[in-house]
Amino acid sequence: MLEVLSSIADKVSEAIGLIPPDSDRGAEVCMGADGTPTSEIDKIAENTVLMYLQEHDVKLNVLSEEIGFVDNGAEETLVLDPIDGTTNACMGVPMYTISMAVGKGTMNGMRVAYLRNLSTGDVYTAEKGKGAYMNGCRISVKDNSDPERLLMMIYMGSGACPEAYALAKRVKSSRAYGCASLEMALVATGKADGFMMDSEVYSKSIRVVDIAASALVLREAGGEIFALDGSVLDMPLDLEHRANFVAVGDRKVFDTVMQGARSHPHGGKLRYGIYVNMSIPGAADVAKEVMRLLEGEEVTLDSAIAAELGVKGVPISKMSVDMMIAVGGDGTILRAAQNSDAMMFGVNAGGIGFLTETDPPELEESIARLRRGEYTVEERAKIKVVMDGESLGDAVNEVVVHTDTVAKIRRFRVYVNDTLATDMRADGMLLSTPTGSTCYAMSLGAPIIDPGVNAWVMVPMAAFRFSARPMVVPMSKKIAIECVMEKGCMLVIDGQKEVHLPGGSVVEMVSSSKHVRFVRFDKDFYTRINEKLVNVQ
């Protein structure tokens, strides 16, 4: 198979070499299957690959950036990025590749990988279980990365998260080359310690076609690719799913990057905010203890707790802080997340506190760990809610559309990517994130969803249909709920924000470009379920 992929790369190199030097290689010629414009050089490269497969009767399905998925009835799929680094190619920067991987199932099912820098001719190959090679010579990642001397490749594009810029300031050296496959290859050859892709704009995150080949090269060279929650990254073979990740040669590079970049986003001390649910007895006393333990740090108080203490405070929506310490229960954290993009650290002063991370008896050690940076940050997806082109806000837990009158049924139509999915009479419909699957959705009989699963769950509320069941839907889909009857409904976001909906309204929900970030210590999701939901008294 490597010989076939090499021949394909030869043909692509020849084809793009025939493009007149004074032509506009980046001219948009059509819209690609991934929803982004296709340039001339991309289309020429892709067409060359497809023609080669047809002319030489190569039995492979194809998943490509421009044409999408082509089902040729084969067992295996060629995962193709015809030109990775299109802007570089158009500008004459010698860092752009043809990226090809062959396998089946998911990204981690790839068995053969082939990368060629079409400017320099350098070739990177790998076969599962047989090692990785550059120009025929075996390659390997760095044996032992020095945290004080890291060279990181970092995505620094227009969608980059603030943590990406902070990491660039903190590490010894950083580079952004605009070609993910080659940046991964630099890690595989030991020239760089890691590559971080962290975009706050979902549409700018990585697709499987971008890294399927370089992921296998890196892994066969001894490295690994981790999702930002620390799990090993895998991706389905489609153009809908995107991912953020850190690719490393040494696991401790991931730990250093995630701990340091998340704990010191400005390259210095964190700025803390304290938000308190003053209606909970004893919450103010807990907040006072938090303040004592943070002595010497920059701390901003929410107006309510500040008034209680007789000091100056500001509304949470006006706070400029890096980490928000929310004292209360889950509702307190949700209100904080509605009003701030800071990292969230929950202190449980309420009931179950599923989203909180510590309890008052553990407070001294917990704050000490925060100050030492001994934690990770877990990103969770949010739902963006839109009606008539206007954004109504983002949901961390769930979006509920229900009758505005007690015990009065309504009729709802639910569309998934504009295709009718269900039409039923019910008290309401709920769309939940994985975070919210342990809350309202769970009480309605929906499944608990691991936060590593990129899916929503649509749940009918008291439906007048025996067959009505929760429906799990990919986050990449657009969900629309139509209030069919000429009677009012109510939209509720995270139980915090309410919007009246006239009869006939249509509410659309898509994956938000923003994420909520929870500060975590050692407990994983399943331990949390056992402690907070299964064994709760």
Protein backbone atom coordinates (compact mmCIF):
# COMPACT_ATOMS: atom_id res chain seq x y z
CA MET A 1 0.00 0.00 0.00
CA LEU A 2 2.87 2.42 0.70
CA GLU A 3 3.99 2.04 -2.91
CA VAL A 4 0.51 2.99 -4.10
CA LEU A 5 0.42 6.04 -1.83
CA SER A 6 3.88 7.07 -3.02
CA SER A 7 2.74 6.87 -6.65
CA ILE A 8 -0.33 8.96 -5.81
CA ALA A 9 1.91 11.61 -4.20
CA ASP A 10 4.09 11.62 -7.33
CA LYS A 11 1.05 12.35 -9.49
CA VAL A 12 -0.18 15.10 -7.18
CA SER A 13 3.27 16.71 -7.13
CA GLU A 14 3.32 16.67 -10.94
CA ALA A 15 -0.22 18.06 -11.21
CA ILE A 16 0.27 21.04 -8.93
CA GLY A 17 3.62 21.69 -10.56
CA LEU A 18 1.74 22.39 -13.80
CA ILE A 19 -0.24 25.25 -12.25
CA PRO A 20 1.13 28.45 -13.86
CA PRO A 21 3.32 30.34 -11.40
CA ASP A 22 1.40 33.58 -11.91
CA SER A 23 -2.00 31.96 -11.28
CA ASP A 24 -4.00 32.32 -8.09
CA ARG A 25 -3.60 28.90 -6.47
CA GLY A 26 -5.86 29.98 -3.65
CA ALA A 27 -8.75 31.08 -5.87
CA GLU A 28 -12.03 29.62 -4.56
CA VAL A 29 -13.53 27.27 -7.12
CA CYS A 30 -16.37 25.65 -5.13
CA MET A 31 -17.60 24.82 -1.63
CA GLY A 32 -16.09 21.71 -0.06
CA ALA A 33 -17.98 18.92 1.69
CA ASP A 34 -16.62 20.23 5.00
CA GLY A 35 -18.48 23.50 4.49
CA THR A 36 -15.38 25.58 3.71
CA PRO A 37 -14.35 27.04 0.35
CA THR A 38 -12.23 24.83 -1.92
CA SER A 39 -9.23 26.44 -3.59
CA GLU A 40 -7.86 25.63 -7.02
CA ILE A 41 -4.80 23.80 -5.72
CA ASP A 42 -6.90 21.68 -3.33
CA LYS A 43 -9.28 20.63 -6.10
CA ILE A 44 -6.52 19.79 -8.57
CA ALA A 45 -4.76 17.66 -5.94
CA GLU A 46 -7.94 15.84 -4.95
CA ASN A 47 -9.02 15.18 -8.53
CA THR A 48 -5.58 13.75 -9.25
CA VAL A 49 -5.94 11.27 -6.37
CA LEU A 50 -9.44 10.21 -7.41
CA MET A 51 -8.37 9.72 -11.04
CA TYR A 52 -5.41 7.59 -9.95
CA LEU A 53 -7.61 5.31 -7.85
CA GLN A 54 -10.04 4.89 -10.72
CA GLU A 55 -7.44 4.34 -13.44
CA HIS A 56 -5.45 1.82 -11.38
CA ASP A 57 -8.55 0.10 -9.93
CA VAL A 58 -7.44 0.68 -6.32
CA LYS A 59 -10.24 -0.66 -4.12
CA LEU A 60 -10.59 1.99 -1.41
CA ASN A 61 -13.37 4.20 -0.16
CA VAL A 62 -12.32 7.84 0.11
CA LEU A 63 -12.86 10.45 2.80
CA SER A 64 -11.48 13.76 1.59
CA GLU A 65 -11.62 17.37 2.68
CA GLU A 66 -13.26 18.62 -0.49
CA ILE A 67 -15.47 15.84 -1.89
CA GLY A 68 -16.45 14.22 1.42
CA PHE A 69 -17.04 10.47 1.65
CA VAL A 70 -17.01 8.36 -1.51
CA ASP A 71 -18.34 4.84 -0.93
CA ASN A 72 -16.66 2.47 -3.37
CA GLY A 73 -17.86 -0.63 -1.53
CA ALA A 74 -14.39 -1.34 -0.16
CA GLU A 75 -13.45 -2.59 3.30
CA GLU A 76 -10.91 0.16 3.90
CA THR A 77 -10.97 3.93 3.49
CA LEU A 78 -8.33 6.33 2.24
CA VAL A 79 -8.45 9.32 4.62
CA LEU A 80 -7.10 12.15 2.50
CA ASP A 81 -6.11 15.77 2.88
CA PRO A 82 -5.01 16.62 -0.66
CA ILE A 83 -3.19 19.75 0.49
CA ASP A 84 -2.59 20.34 4.20
CA GLY A 85 -1.27 23.89 4.50
CA THR A 86 -3.08 25.39 1.52
CA THR A 87 -2.26 28.97 2.54
CA ASN A 88 1.44 28.06 2.77
CA ALA A 89 1.29 26.52 -0.71
CA CYS A 90 -0.37 29.61 -2.15
CA MET A 91 2.17 31.94 -0.50
CA GLY A 92 5.22 29.90 -1.45
CA VAL A 93 5.99 28.86 2.13
CA PRO A 94 7.65 25.41 1.86
CA MET A 95 5.44 23.66 4.39
CA TYR A 96 2.48 21.88 2.80
CA THR A 97 1.77 18.20 2.39
CA ILE A 98 -0.37 15.56 0.87
CA SER A 99 -1.62 13.51 3.83
CA MET A 100 -2.94 9.96 3.34
CA ALA A 101 -3.90 7.17 5.72
CA VAL A 102 -5.58 3.84 5.01
CA GLY A 103 -7.61 1.78 7.46
CA LYS A 104 -11.11 1.23 8.73
CA GLY A 105 -13.39 2.07 11.64
CA THR A 106 -11.97 5.23 13.18
CA MET A 107 -8.80 7.29 13.09
CA ASN A 108 -7.16 4.80 15.44
CA GLY A 109 -8.00 2.04 12.96
CA MET A 110 -5.56 3.40 10.37
CA ARG A 111 -2.87 0.84 9.46
CA VAL A 112 -0.78 2.75 6.89
CA ALA A 113 0.22 6.42 6.76
CA TYR A 114 2.00 8.50 4.14
CA LEU A 115 2.96 12.20 4.32
CA ARG A 116 4.95 14.12 1.76
CA ASN A 117 6.09 17.72 2.02
CA LEU A 118 5.29 18.69 -1.56
CA SER A 119 7.80 21.55 -1.46
CA THR A 120 10.87 19.78 -0.05
CA GLY A 121 10.02 16.19 -1.02
CA ASP A 122 10.52 14.88 2.53
CA VAL A 123 8.44 11.73 3.11
CA TYR A 124 7.08 10.38 6.41
CA THR A 125 5.62 6.88 6.53
CA ALA A 126 4.30 4.43 9.08
CA GLU A 127 2.70 1.01 9.23
CA LYS A 128 0.91 -0.06 12.37
CA GLY A 129 3.26 -2.06 14.57
CA LYS A 130 6.24 -1.54 12.25
CA GLY A 131 7.56 1.86 13.28
CA ALA A 132 7.77 5.26 11.60
CA TYR A 133 10.24 6.53 9.00
CA MET A 134 11.43 9.76 7.42
CA ASN A 135 12.94 9.35 3.97
CA GLY A 136 13.45 5.67 4.74
CA CYS A 137 15.23 6.18 8.08
CA ARG A 138 13.63 5.13 11.38
CA ILE A 139 12.45 8.07 13.52
CA SER A 140 11.47 8.40 17.17
CA VAL A 141 10.24 11.05 19.56
CA LYS A 142 12.37 12.65 22.25
CA ASP A 143 13.23 10.17 25.01
CA ASN A 144 13.02 12.69 27.82
CA SER A 145 11.63 16.21 27.41
CA ASP A 146 12.85 18.90 29.79
CA PRO A 147 9.82 20.90 31.06
CA GLU A 148 12.06 23.98 31.36
CA ARG A 149 13.17 23.80 27.72
CA LEU A 150 10.07 22.82 25.78
CA LEU A 151 9.75 23.57 22.07
CA MET A 152 6.04 23.52 21.29
CA MET A 153 4.20 23.74 18.01
CA ILE A 154 1.02 25.72 18.81
CA TYR A 155 -2.04 26.57 16.75
CA MET A 156 -2.16 30.38 16.87
CA GLY A 157 -4.88 31.10 14.30
CA SER A 158 -7.89 33.38 14.66
CA GLY A 159 -9.82 30.75 16.64
CA ALA A 160 -7.06 29.98 19.15
CA CYS A 161 -7.99 29.86 22.83
CA PRO A 162 -6.31 32.36 25.19
CA GLU A 163 -4.42 29.42 26.74
CA ALA A 164 -2.58 28.92 23.44
CA TYR A 165 -1.08 32.41 23.58
CA ALA A 166 -0.27 31.97 27.27
CA LEU A 167 1.54 28.71 26.53
CA ALA A 168 3.62 30.43 23.84
CA LYS A 169 4.79 32.94 26.46
CA ARG A 170 5.57 30.29 29.04
CA VAL A 171 7.56 27.66 27.13
CA LYS A 172 11.18 28.05 26.05
CA SER A 173 10.30 28.23 22.32
CA SER A 174 7.15 28.01 20.21
CA ARG A 175 6.29 27.88 16.53
CA ALA A 176 3.12 28.01 14.43
CA TYR A 177 3.63 26.73 10.88
CA GLY A 178 0.06 26.42 9.63
CA CYS A 179 0.40 22.78 8.60
CA ALA A 180 -0.79 20.37 11.29
CA SER A 181 0.55 17.22 9.64
CA LEU A 182 4.10 18.58 9.47
CA GLU A 183 3.91 20.00 12.96
CA MET A 184 2.94 16.53 14.20
CA ALA A 185 5.80 15.08 12.16
CA LEU A 186 8.25 17.40 13.91
CA VAL A 187 7.17 15.88 17.20
CA ALA A 188 7.55 12.39 15.71
CA THR A 189 11.14 13.11 14.65
CA GLY A 190 12.05 14.51 18.07
CA LYS A 191 12.59 18.04 16.80
CA ALA A 192 9.69 19.38 18.88
CA ASP A 193 8.32 18.31 22.25
CA GLY A 194 4.65 18.68 21.40
CA PHE A 195 1.92 20.20 19.28
CA MET A 196 -1.09 21.90 20.86
CA MET A 197 -4.33 22.48 18.98
CA ASP A 198 -6.82 24.38 21.15
CA SER A 199 -9.43 26.39 19.26
CA GLU A 200 -12.37 28.06 20.96
CA VAL A 201 -14.10 28.17 17.55
CA TYR A 202 -15.36 24.65 16.84
CA SER A 203 -15.24 25.07 13.05
CA LYS A 204 -11.50 25.81 13.24
CA SER A 205 -10.59 22.73 15.27
CA ILE A 206 -8.94 19.70 13.67
CA ARG A 207 -10.78 17.19 11.44
CA VAL A 208 -9.77 13.57 11.06
CA VAL A 209 -8.54 14.20 7.48
CA ASP A 210 -6.01 16.69 8.86
CA ILE A 211 -4.23 14.29 11.21
CA ALA A 212 -5.14 10.67 10.41
CA ALA A 213 -1.77 10.06 8.76
CA SER A 214 0.41 12.12 11.11
CA ALA A 215 -1.28 10.55 14.15
CA LEU A 216 -0.15 7.08 13.07
CA VAL A 217 3.34 8.39 12.25
CA LEU A 218 3.62 9.97 15.70
CA ARG A 219 2.32 6.90 17.54
CA GLU A 220 4.64 4.57 15.64
CA ALA A 221 7.50 6.92 16.57
CA GLY A 222 6.62 6.43 20.25
CA GLY A 223 4.38 9.45 20.85
CA GLU A 224 0.71 9.91 21.65
CA ILE A 225 -2.20 12.29 20.99
CA PHE A 226 -4.38 13.24 23.94
CA ALA A 227 -7.71 15.02 24.02
CA LEU A 228 -7.66 17.98 26.40
CA ASP A 229 -9.30 15.88 29.13
CA GLY A 230 -6.31 13.51 29.08
CA SER A 231 -7.96 10.64 27.20
CA VAL A 232 -6.32 9.12 24.13
CA LEU A 233 -7.71 10.89 21.07
CA ASP A 234 -9.78 9.01 18.53
CA MET A 235 -12.07 10.42 15.84
CA PRO A 236 -14.80 8.98 13.61
CA LEU A 237 -14.26 8.89 9.86
CA ASP A 238 -16.39 11.88 8.88
CA LEU A 239 -16.04 15.60 8.29
CA GLU A 240 -18.50 16.64 10.99
CA HIS A 241 -16.46 15.96 14.11
CA ARG A 242 -13.59 18.20 15.13
CA ALA A 243 -11.20 18.00 18.06
CA ASN A 244 -8.71 19.89 20.18
CA PHE A 245 -5.69 17.97 21.44
CA VAL A 246 -2.08 17.90 22.55
CA ALA A 247 0.31 15.63 20.63
CA VAL A 248 3.47 14.74 22.56
CA GLY A 249 6.46 12.47 22.58
CA ASP A 250 6.50 12.28 26.38
CA ARG A 251 3.36 12.12 28.56
CA LYS A 252 4.82 14.55 31.07
CA VAL A 253 4.80 17.21 28.34
CA PHE A 254 1.01 16.92 28.26
CA ASP A 255 0.86 17.24 32.05
CA THR A 256 3.14 20.27 32.00
CA VAL A 257 1.26 21.98 29.18
CA MET A 258 -2.22 21.41 30.61
CA GLN A 259 -1.34 22.23 34.20
CA GLY A 260 0.80 25.24 33.54
CA ALA A 261 -1.08 26.76 30.61
CA ARG A 262 -4.40 26.40 32.36
CA SER A 263 -3.21 27.58 35.74
CA HIS A 264 -1.26 30.60 34.51
CA PRO A 265 -3.05 31.92 31.43
CA HIS A 266 -1.36 35.31 31.67
CA GLY A 267 2.09 33.94 32.37
CA GLY A 268 1.91 35.11 35.98
CA LYS A 269 -0.39 34.91 38.97
CA LEU A 270 -4.00 33.97 38.55
CA ARG A 271 -6.73 36.47 39.18
CA TYR A 272 -9.46 34.89 41.30
CA GLY A 273 -13.13 35.78 41.50
CA ILE A 274 -15.47 34.70 44.31
CA TYR A 275 -19.18 34.25 43.62
CA VAL A 276 -21.47 33.15 46.45
CA ASN A 277 -25.07 31.98 46.71
CA MET A 278 -26.04 34.17 49.65
CA SER A 279 -29.35 32.33 50.13
CA ILE A 280 -27.54 29.22 51.38
CA PRO A 281 -26.97 29.27 55.16
CA GLY A 282 -23.27 29.32 55.96
CA ALA A 283 -22.15 30.09 52.38
CA ALA A 284 -20.86 33.52 53.39
CA ASP A 285 -18.69 31.93 56.11
CA VAL A 286 -17.24 29.52 53.55
CA ALA A 287 -16.46 32.47 51.28
CA LYS A 288 -14.64 34.24 54.13
CA GLU A 289 -12.48 31.14 54.61
CA VAL A 290 -11.72 31.07 50.87
CA MET A 291 -10.60 34.70 51.08
CA ARG A 292 -8.36 33.93 54.06
CA LEU A 293 -6.73 31.04 52.24
CA LEU A 294 -6.17 33.21 49.14
CA GLU A 295 -4.39 35.94 51.11
CA GLY A 296 -1.72 37.53 48.91
CA GLU A 297 -3.54 36.69 45.67
CA GLU A 298 -5.50 39.08 43.45
CA VAL A 299 -9.15 38.46 44.41
CA THR A 300 -12.35 40.13 43.18
CA LEU A 301 -15.63 39.67 45.07
CA ASP A 302 -19.10 39.55 43.60
CA SER A 303 -21.32 42.46 44.69
CA ALA A 304 -23.53 40.39 47.02
CA ILE A 305 -20.79 38.86 49.18
CA ALA A 306 -18.86 42.16 49.09
CA ALA A 307 -21.88 44.00 50.50
CA GLU A 308 -22.15 41.38 53.27
CA LEU A 309 -18.52 41.98 54.20
CA GLY A 310 -18.67 45.74 53.81
CA VAL A 311 -16.03 45.88 51.08
CA LYS A 312 -15.98 46.84 47.41
CA GLY A 313 -17.22 44.33 44.86
CA VAL A 314 -18.34 44.14 41.24
CA PRO A 315 -21.09 42.18 39.45
CA ILE A 316 -19.87 38.79 38.25
CA SER A 317 -20.50 39.76 34.62
CA LYS A 318 -18.00 42.61 35.02
CA MET A 319 -15.24 40.61 36.68
CA SER A 320 -11.94 40.27 34.82
CA VAL A 321 -10.63 37.07 36.40
CA ASP A 322 -9.00 33.80 35.37
CA MET A 323 -10.69 31.47 37.84
CA MET A 324 -14.14 31.82 39.39
CA ILE A 325 -14.60 30.17 42.79
CA ALA A 326 -18.32 29.54 43.09
CA VAL A 327 -19.58 28.82 46.61
CA GLY A 328 -22.95 27.09 46.58
CA GLY A 329 -24.46 24.24 44.61
CA ASP A 330 -24.82 23.29 40.96
CA GLY A 331 -27.22 26.16 40.30
CA THR A 332 -24.61 28.59 41.61
CA ILE A 333 -22.03 27.22 39.19
CA LEU A 334 -24.48 27.42 36.29
CA ARG A 335 -25.28 31.04 37.11
CA ALA A 336 -21.57 31.79 37.28
CA ALA A 337 -20.98 30.07 33.93
CA GLN A 338 -23.81 32.11 32.38
CA ASN A 339 -22.03 35.31 33.38
CA SER A 340 -18.32 34.51 33.12
CA ASP A 341 -15.94 32.71 30.77
CA ALA A 342 -13.40 32.11 33.55
CA MET A 343 -12.42 28.64 34.73
CA MET A 344 -14.97 27.35 37.25
CA PHE A 345 -14.04 25.87 40.63
CA GLY A 346 -17.03 24.83 42.73
CA VAL A 347 -17.13 24.71 46.52
CA ASN A 348 -20.15 22.71 47.65
CA ALA A 349 -22.17 24.63 50.20
CA GLY A 350 -25.49 23.32 48.92
CA GLY A 351 -26.89 19.83 48.35
CA ILE A 352 -25.47 17.17 46.02
CA GLY A 353 -23.10 19.51 44.20
CA PHE A 354 -22.35 17.25 41.23
CA LEU A 355 -20.45 19.99 39.43
CA THR A 356 -18.53 21.15 42.51
CA GLU A 357 -15.00 19.95 43.18
CA THR A 358 -14.53 20.29 46.92
CA ASP A 359 -16.43 20.46 50.21
CA PRO A 360 -15.76 22.90 53.11
CA PRO A 361 -13.81 20.35 55.24
CA GLU A 362 -11.32 19.94 52.34
CA LEU A 363 -11.07 23.66 51.61
CA GLU A 364 -7.60 24.37 53.01
CA GLU A 365 -5.90 21.65 50.98
CA SER A 366 -7.97 22.46 47.90
CA ILE A 367 -7.04 26.14 47.85
CA ALA A 368 -3.41 25.21 48.44
CA ARG A 369 -3.54 22.96 45.37
CA LEU A 370 -5.07 25.76 43.33
CA ARG A 371 -2.27 28.10 44.32
CA ARG A 372 0.34 25.47 43.43
CA GLY A 373 -1.32 24.80 40.06
CA GLU A 374 -1.91 21.13 40.93
CA TYR A 375 -5.03 20.58 38.86
CA THR A 376 -6.31 20.02 35.36
CA VAL A 377 -9.00 21.86 33.44
CA GLU A 378 -11.83 19.90 31.88
CA GLU A 379 -13.59 21.50 28.92
CA ARG A 380 -17.29 20.80 28.39
CA ALA A 381 -19.39 21.65 25.34
CA LYS A 382 -22.16 24.24 25.47
CA ILE A 383 -25.33 24.62 23.40
CA LYS A 384 -25.89 27.88 21.54
CA VAL A 385 -29.56 28.88 21.37
CA VAL A 386 -30.80 30.99 18.44
CA MET A 387 -34.22 32.29 17.41
CA ASP A 388 -34.92 34.47 14.37
CA GLY A 389 -31.18 34.89 13.89
CA GLU A 390 -30.69 36.29 17.40
CA SER A 391 -28.59 34.48 19.99
CA LEU A 392 -30.48 33.85 23.21
CA GLY A 393 -27.46 32.53 25.11
CA ASP A 394 -25.48 29.35 25.74
CA ALA A 395 -26.45 26.38 27.89
CA VAL A 396 -24.04 24.32 29.99
CA ASN A 397 -26.67 21.78 31.10
CA GLU A 398 -29.78 21.91 28.98
CA VAL A 399 -32.28 23.85 26.92
CA VAL A 400 -35.95 23.27 27.73
CA VAL A 401 -38.95 24.28 25.62
CA HIS A 402 -42.19 23.59 27.47
CA THR A 403 -45.78 24.75 27.85
CA ASP A 404 -46.26 28.12 29.50
CA THR A 405 -49.38 26.87 31.26
CA VAL A 406 -49.43 24.13 33.91
CA ALA A 407 -51.03 20.85 32.76
CA LYS A 408 -51.61 22.10 29.19
CA ILE A 409 -50.11 19.89 26.49
CA ARG A 410 -48.42 21.30 23.39
CA ARG A 411 -47.35 19.92 20.02
CA PHE A 412 -43.69 19.99 19.03
CA ARG A 413 -41.79 19.14 15.87
CA VAL A 414 -38.09 18.41 16.21
CA TYR A 415 -35.75 18.73 13.23
CA VAL A 416 -32.18 17.41 12.99
CA ASN A 417 -30.24 19.26 10.28
CA ASP A 418 -33.60 20.41 8.85
CA THR A 419 -34.91 16.84 8.60
CA LEU A 420 -38.02 16.06 10.66
CA ALA A 421 -36.98 13.69 13.46
CA THR A 422 -40.17 13.55 15.52
CA ASP A 423 -43.62 15.15 15.79
CA MET A 424 -45.38 14.65 19.12
CA ARG A 425 -47.63 16.11 21.79
CA ALA A 426 -45.92 16.60 25.13
CA ASP A 427 -45.43 19.00 28.01
CA GLY A 428 -42.13 19.96 26.45
CA MET A 429 -38.83 18.96 24.83
CA LEU A 430 -35.38 19.07 26.42
CA LEU A 431 -31.96 19.10 24.75
CA SER A 432 -29.16 18.20 27.14
CA THR A 433 -25.36 18.31 26.99
CA PRO A 434 -23.35 15.43 28.50
CA THR A 435 -22.88 17.73 31.52
CA GLY A 436 -26.65 18.07 31.87
CA SER A 437 -27.26 14.35 31.40
CA THR A 438 -26.78 13.88 35.17
CA CYS A 439 -29.39 16.53 35.95
CA TYR A 440 -32.87 17.24 34.53
CA ALA A 441 -32.43 14.82 31.62
CA MET A 442 -31.58 11.97 34.02
CA SER A 443 -34.73 12.63 36.04
CA LEU A 444 -36.73 12.26 32.81
CA GLY A 445 -35.25 8.82 32.15
CA ALA A 446 -32.52 9.78 29.69
CA PRO A 447 -29.11 8.03 29.73
CA ILE A 448 -26.09 9.44 31.52
CA ILE A 449 -23.53 10.45 28.90
CA ASP A 450 -19.79 10.38 29.48
CA PRO A 451 -18.50 13.94 28.87
CA GLY A 452 -16.00 12.49 26.40
CA VAL A 453 -18.88 11.58 24.06
CA ASN A 454 -19.64 14.35 21.56
CA ALA A 455 -23.41 14.01 21.64
CA TRP A 456 -26.57 15.72 22.85
CA VAL A 457 -29.60 13.88 24.17
CA MET A 458 -33.09 15.01 23.13
CA VAL A 459 -35.70 14.11 25.77
CA PRO A 460 -39.50 14.37 25.51
CA MET A 461 -41.26 15.60 28.65
CA ALA A 462 -44.48 13.75 29.56
CA ALA A 463 -45.10 12.83 25.92
CA PHE A 464 -48.55 11.64 24.84
CA ARG A 465 -47.04 8.76 22.88
CA PHE A 466 -46.00 5.39 24.28
CA SER A 467 -43.12 5.09 21.81
CA ALA A 468 -41.57 8.45 22.78
CA ARG A 469 -37.99 7.87 23.89
CA PRO A 470 -34.85 9.97 24.41
CA MET A 471 -32.75 10.40 21.28
CA VAL A 472 -28.95 10.76 21.22
CA VAL A 473 -27.75 13.17 18.50
CA PRO A 474 -24.20 14.18 17.43
CA MET A 475 -23.09 17.61 18.62
CA SER A 476 -22.25 18.50 15.03
CA LYS A 477 -25.96 18.51 14.11
CA LYS A 478 -28.32 21.47 14.25
CA ILE A 479 -31.43 20.84 16.34
CA ALA A 480 -34.61 22.86 15.81
CA ILE A 481 -37.74 22.70 17.98
CA GLU A 482 -40.93 24.07 16.47
CA CYS A 483 -43.83 25.04 18.74
CA VAL A 484 -46.56 23.97 16.31
CA MET A 485 -49.67 25.22 18.07
CA GLU A 486 -50.71 28.86 18.24
CA LYS A 487 -50.27 28.77 21.99
CA GLY A 488 -47.38 30.09 24.05
CA CYS A 489 -44.40 28.13 25.30
CA MET A 490 -41.46 28.91 27.55
CA LEU A 491 -37.75 28.56 26.77
CA VAL A 492 -35.51 27.90 29.79
CA ILE A 493 -31.70 27.84 29.60
CA ASP A 494 -29.96 25.99 32.45
CA GLY A 495 -32.88 26.79 34.73
CA GLN A 496 -31.50 30.35 34.88
CA LYS A 497 -32.87 32.27 31.90
CA GLU A 498 -36.49 32.23 30.73
CA VAL A 499 -37.83 33.51 27.40
CA HIS A 500 -41.50 33.48 26.42
CA LEU A 501 -42.14 31.90 23.00
CA PRO A 502 -45.22 32.87 20.99
CA GLY A 503 -47.09 30.06 19.24
CA GLY A 504 -45.39 28.94 16.03
CA SER A 505 -41.90 29.85 17.24
CA VAL A 506 -38.87 27.87 16.08
CA VAL A 507 -35.80 27.63 18.33
CA GLU A 508 -32.51 26.42 16.84
CA MET A 509 -29.63 24.90 18.79
CA VAL A 510 -26.08 24.27 17.62
CA SER A 511 -22.74 23.56 19.26
CA SER A 512 -21.38 26.77 20.77
CA SER A 513 -17.92 28.02 19.88
CA LYS A 514 -17.38 28.52 23.62
CA HIS A 515 -16.80 25.87 26.28
CA VAL A 516 -17.26 25.84 30.02
CA ARG A 517 -14.03 24.95 31.84
CA PHE A 518 -14.16 23.08 35.14
CA VAL A 519 -11.13 22.93 37.43
CA ARG A 520 -10.58 19.31 38.47
CA PHE A 521 -8.38 17.45 40.92
CA ASP A 522 -8.21 13.64 40.98
CA LYS A 523 -11.77 12.34 40.76
CA ASP A 524 -12.89 11.04 37.39
CA PHE A 525 -16.44 11.12 36.00
CA TYR A 526 -17.41 7.64 37.18
CA THR A 527 -16.11 8.15 40.71
CA ARG A 528 -18.16 11.33 40.82
CA ILE A 529 -21.28 9.41 39.72
CA ASN A 530 -20.81 6.82 42.44
CA GLU A 531 -20.20 9.41 45.15
CA LYS A 532 -22.82 11.96 44.13
CA LEU A 533 -25.60 9.92 42.50
CA VAL A 534 -25.36 6.23 43.36
CA ASN A 535 -24.37 6.32 47.02
CA VAL A 536 -26.00 9.63 47.95
CA GLN A 537 -28.01 9.49 51.17
